[in-house]
Amino acid sequence: MAGEPIEGQILLLTAAKASVTPTQLPDLVDLAQERLAADRERYRREYERLYEGDGLEAFAVETGHWATLGTELGMSDRERSAVERAHEEQLLRIGRRTDREDEFETALEIREPVLIGTGE
């Protein structure tokens, strides 16, 4: 499904906030996922894994990670911001479901989230 591992409702809300079309954001998330999935082992070695389950792994990466990744993928600032925001909102939703929202919010004060679908 387009936009995985980000839930559909998160994609719709994020697209509205980021001024990208609801049909554009899933494609952007998919583009990022292709790259992220190819580097999953590197993320496991180099970054703190905040969460694993629900068909995804969530990592805390350094600030500026999404700016670099967006440039490498040819995304505009608006597109990159939308994808980053979708990852952040999905992580916070997971935090609410698992009673870890405060922990994740604290992590996001100094780092950026990367969610990688596992296909499970």
C-alpha atoms as a PDB file:
ATOM      1  CA  MET A   1       0.000   0.000   0.000  1.00  0.00           C
ATOM      2  CA  ALA A   2       1.230   3.464  -0.825  1.00  0.00           C
ATOM      3  CA  GLY A   3       2.679   5.453   2.021  1.00  0.00           C
ATOM      4  CA  GLU A   4       3.601   2.587   4.319  1.00  0.00           C
ATOM      5  CA  PRO A   5       4.593   2.436   7.112  1.00  0.00           C
ATOM      6  CA  ILE A   6       2.734   5.713   7.690  1.00  0.00           C
ATOM      7  CA  GLU A   7      -0.998   5.265   8.356  1.00  0.00           C
ATOM      8  CA  GLY A   8      -3.495   6.772   5.930  1.00  0.00           C
ATOM      9  CA  GLN A   9      -4.997   9.206   8.428  1.00  0.00           C
ATOM     10  CA  ILE A  10      -1.524  10.509   9.302  1.00  0.00           C
ATOM     11  CA  LEU A  11      -0.793  10.994   5.599  1.00  0.00           C
ATOM     12  CA  LEU A  12      -3.985  13.003   5.083  1.00  0.00           C
ATOM     13  CA  LEU A  13      -3.431  15.255   8.085  1.00  0.00           C
ATOM     14  CA  THR A  14       0.230  15.774   7.287  1.00  0.00           C
ATOM     15  CA  ALA A  15      -0.447  16.588   3.644  1.00  0.00           C
ATOM     16  CA  ALA A  16      -2.930  19.267   4.673  1.00  0.00           C
ATOM     17  CA  LYS A  17      -0.497  20.831   7.152  1.00  0.00           C
ATOM     18  CA  ALA A  18       2.450  20.688   4.757  1.00  0.00           C
ATOM     19  CA  SER A  19       0.625  22.057   1.718  1.00  0.00           C
ATOM     20  CA  VAL A  20       1.243  19.023  -0.465  1.00  0.00           C
ATOM     21  CA  THR A  21      -1.546  17.097  -2.132  1.00  0.00           C
ATOM     22  CA  PRO A  22      -2.933  14.026  -0.365  1.00  0.00           C
ATOM     23  CA  THR A  23      -2.091  11.969  -3.457  1.00  0.00           C
ATOM     24  CA  GLN A  24       1.484  13.295  -3.605  1.00  0.00           C
ATOM     25  CA  LEU A  25       2.539  12.476  -0.043  1.00  0.00           C
ATOM     26  CA  PRO A  26       2.188   8.661  -0.254  1.00  0.00           C
ATOM     27  CA  ASP A  27       4.445   8.679  -3.326  1.00  0.00           C
ATOM     28  CA  LEU A  28       7.008  10.807  -1.487  1.00  0.00           C
ATOM     29  CA  VAL A  29       6.880   8.490   1.529  1.00  0.00           C
ATOM     30  CA  ASP A  30       7.336   5.501  -0.796  1.00  0.00           C
ATOM     31  CA  LEU A  31      10.360   7.158  -2.419  1.00  0.00           C
ATOM     32  CA  ALA A  32      11.935   7.698   0.987  1.00  0.00           C
ATOM     33  CA  GLN A  33      11.055   4.149   2.078  1.00  0.00           C
ATOM     34  CA  GLU A  34      12.895   2.621  -0.853  1.00  0.00           C
ATOM     35  CA  ARG A  35      16.075   4.362   0.255  1.00  0.00           C
ATOM     36  CA  LEU A  36      15.525   3.767   3.975  1.00  0.00           C
ATOM     37  CA  ALA A  37      14.756   0.066   3.527  1.00  0.00           C
ATOM     38  CA  ALA A  38      17.923  -0.394   1.482  1.00  0.00           C
ATOM     39  CA  ASP A  39      19.888   1.061   4.416  1.00  0.00           C
ATOM     40  CA  ARG A  40      17.991  -0.698   7.235  1.00  0.00           C
ATOM     41  CA  GLU A  41      21.034  -2.615   8.488  1.00  0.00           C
ATOM     42  CA  ARG A  42      23.053   0.601   8.678  1.00  0.00           C
ATOM     43  CA  TYR A  43      20.296   2.267  10.690  1.00  0.00           C
ATOM     44  CA  ARG A  44      20.283  -0.717  13.062  1.00  0.00           C
ATOM     45  CA  ARG A  45      24.034  -0.408  13.589  1.00  0.00           C
ATOM     46  CA  GLU A  46      24.336   3.369  13.819  1.00  0.00           C
ATOM     47  CA  TYR A  47      21.170   4.676  15.483  1.00  0.00           C
ATOM     48  CA  GLU A  48      19.049   4.118  18.537  1.00  0.00           C
ATOM     49  CA  ARG A  49      15.972   2.070  17.765  1.00  0.00           C
ATOM     50  CA  LEU A  50      13.049   3.639  19.595  1.00  0.00           C
ATOM     51  CA  TYR A  51      10.428   1.098  18.612  1.00  0.00           C
ATOM     52  CA  GLU A  52       9.960  -2.159  16.743  1.00  0.00           C
ATOM     53  CA  GLY A  53       6.574  -3.617  15.881  1.00  0.00           C
ATOM     54  CA  ASP A  54       3.464  -3.016  13.788  1.00  0.00           C
ATOM     55  CA  GLY A  55       5.463  -3.677  10.619  1.00  0.00           C
ATOM     56  CA  LEU A  56       8.070  -0.993  11.225  1.00  0.00           C
ATOM     57  CA  GLU A  57      11.188   0.020  13.065  1.00  0.00           C
ATOM     58  CA  ALA A  58      11.605   3.581  14.377  1.00  0.00           C
ATOM     59  CA  PHE A  59      15.017   5.164  14.832  1.00  0.00           C
ATOM     60  CA  ALA A  60      16.253   8.423  16.347  1.00  0.00           C
ATOM     61  CA  VAL A  61      18.723  10.076  13.957  1.00  0.00           C
ATOM     62  CA  GLU A  62      20.748  13.277  14.085  1.00  0.00           C
ATOM     63  CA  THR A  63      19.211  16.638  13.317  1.00  0.00           C
ATOM     64  CA  GLY A  64      19.607  17.430   9.635  1.00  0.00           C
ATOM     65  CA  HIS A  65      19.266  13.809   8.548  1.00  0.00           C
ATOM     66  CA  TRP A  66      16.047  14.498   6.659  1.00  0.00           C
ATOM     67  CA  ALA A  67      17.508  17.584   4.972  1.00  0.00           C
ATOM     68  CA  THR A  68      20.356  15.478   3.621  1.00  0.00           C
ATOM     69  CA  LEU A  69      18.096  12.600   2.617  1.00  0.00           C
ATOM     70  CA  GLY A  70      15.594  14.924   0.951  1.00  0.00           C
ATOM     71  CA  THR A  71      18.341  16.548  -1.113  1.00  0.00           C
ATOM     72  CA  GLU A  72      19.687  13.148  -2.152  1.00  0.00           C
ATOM     73  CA  LEU A  73      16.194  12.106  -3.236  1.00  0.00           C
ATOM     74  CA  GLY A  74      15.559  15.341  -5.153  1.00  0.00           C
ATOM     75  CA  MET A  75      12.740  16.541  -2.896  1.00  0.00           C
ATOM     76  CA  SER A  76      11.831  20.176  -2.492  1.00  0.00           C
ATOM     77  CA  ASP A  77      11.982  21.633   1.013  1.00  0.00           C
ATOM     78  CA  ARG A  78       8.190  21.411   1.262  1.00  0.00           C
ATOM     79  CA  GLU A  79       8.142  17.778   0.143  1.00  0.00           C
ATOM     80  CA  ARG A  80      10.950  16.799   2.494  1.00  0.00           C
ATOM     81  CA  SER A  81       9.268  18.595   5.378  1.00  0.00           C
ATOM     82  CA  ALA A  82       6.019  16.739   4.691  1.00  0.00           C
ATOM     83  CA  VAL A  83       7.727  13.336   4.721  1.00  0.00           C
ATOM     84  CA  GLU A  84       9.647  14.174   7.881  1.00  0.00           C
ATOM     85  CA  ARG A  85       6.464  15.414   9.561  1.00  0.00           C
ATOM     86  CA  ALA A  86       4.647  12.204   8.581  1.00  0.00           C
ATOM     87  CA  HIS A  87       7.369  10.144  10.248  1.00  0.00           C
ATOM     88  CA  GLU A  88       7.186  12.315  13.350  1.00  0.00           C
ATOM     89  CA  GLU A  89       3.394  12.150  13.598  1.00  0.00           C
ATOM     90  CA  GLN A  90       3.415   8.368  13.122  1.00  0.00           C
ATOM     91  CA  LEU A  91       5.993   7.956  15.891  1.00  0.00           C
ATOM     92  CA  LEU A  92       3.935  10.138  18.228  1.00  0.00           C
ATOM     93  CA  ARG A  93       0.820   8.096  17.435  1.00  0.00           C
ATOM     94  CA  ILE A  94       2.745   4.938  18.328  1.00  0.00           C
ATOM     95  CA  GLY A  95       3.819   6.682  21.533  1.00  0.00           C
ATOM     96  CA  ARG A  96       0.204   7.403  22.462  1.00  0.00           C
ATOM     97  CA  ARG A  97      -0.768   3.790  21.799  1.00  0.00           C
ATOM     98  CA  THR A  98       2.106   2.375  23.836  1.00  0.00           C
ATOM     99  CA  ASP A  99       2.095   4.931  26.652  1.00  0.00           C
ATOM    100  CA  ARG A 100       5.507   6.233  25.529  1.00  0.00           C
ATOM    101  CA  GLU A 101       4.453   9.588  24.089  1.00  0.00           C
ATOM    102  CA  ASP A 102       6.472  11.643  26.607  1.00  0.00           C
ATOM    103  CA  GLU A 103       9.565   9.554  25.905  1.00  0.00           C
ATOM    104  CA  PHE A 104       9.223  10.004  22.145  1.00  0.00           C
ATOM    105  CA  GLU A 105       8.484  13.736  22.438  1.00  0.00           C
ATOM    106  CA  THR A 106      11.650  14.163  24.507  1.00  0.00           C
ATOM    107  CA  ALA A 107      13.692  12.256  21.927  1.00  0.00           C
ATOM    108  CA  LEU A 108      12.295  14.453  19.150  1.00  0.00           C
ATOM    109  CA  GLU A 109      13.477  17.608  20.892  1.00  0.00           C
ATOM    110  CA  ILE A 110      17.053  16.794  19.891  1.00  0.00           C
ATOM    111  CA  ARG A 111      16.733  14.193  17.131  1.00  0.00           C
ATOM    112  CA  GLU A 112      14.671  13.356  14.071  1.00  0.00           C
ATOM    113  CA  PRO A 113      12.613  10.196  13.544  1.00  0.00           C
ATOM    114  CA  VAL A 114      13.060   7.680  10.756  1.00  0.00           C
ATOM    115  CA  LEU A 115      10.499   4.904  10.396  1.00  0.00           C
ATOM    116  CA  ILE A 116      11.345   1.977   8.174  1.00  0.00           C
ATOM    117  CA  GLY A 117       8.705  -0.528   7.100  1.00  0.00           C
ATOM    118  CA  THR A 118       9.610  -4.157   7.701  1.00  0.00           C
ATOM    119  CA  GLY A 119       6.873  -5.699   5.576  1.00  0.00           C
ATOM    120  CA  GLU A 120       5.650  -7.784   8.497  1.00  0.00           C
END
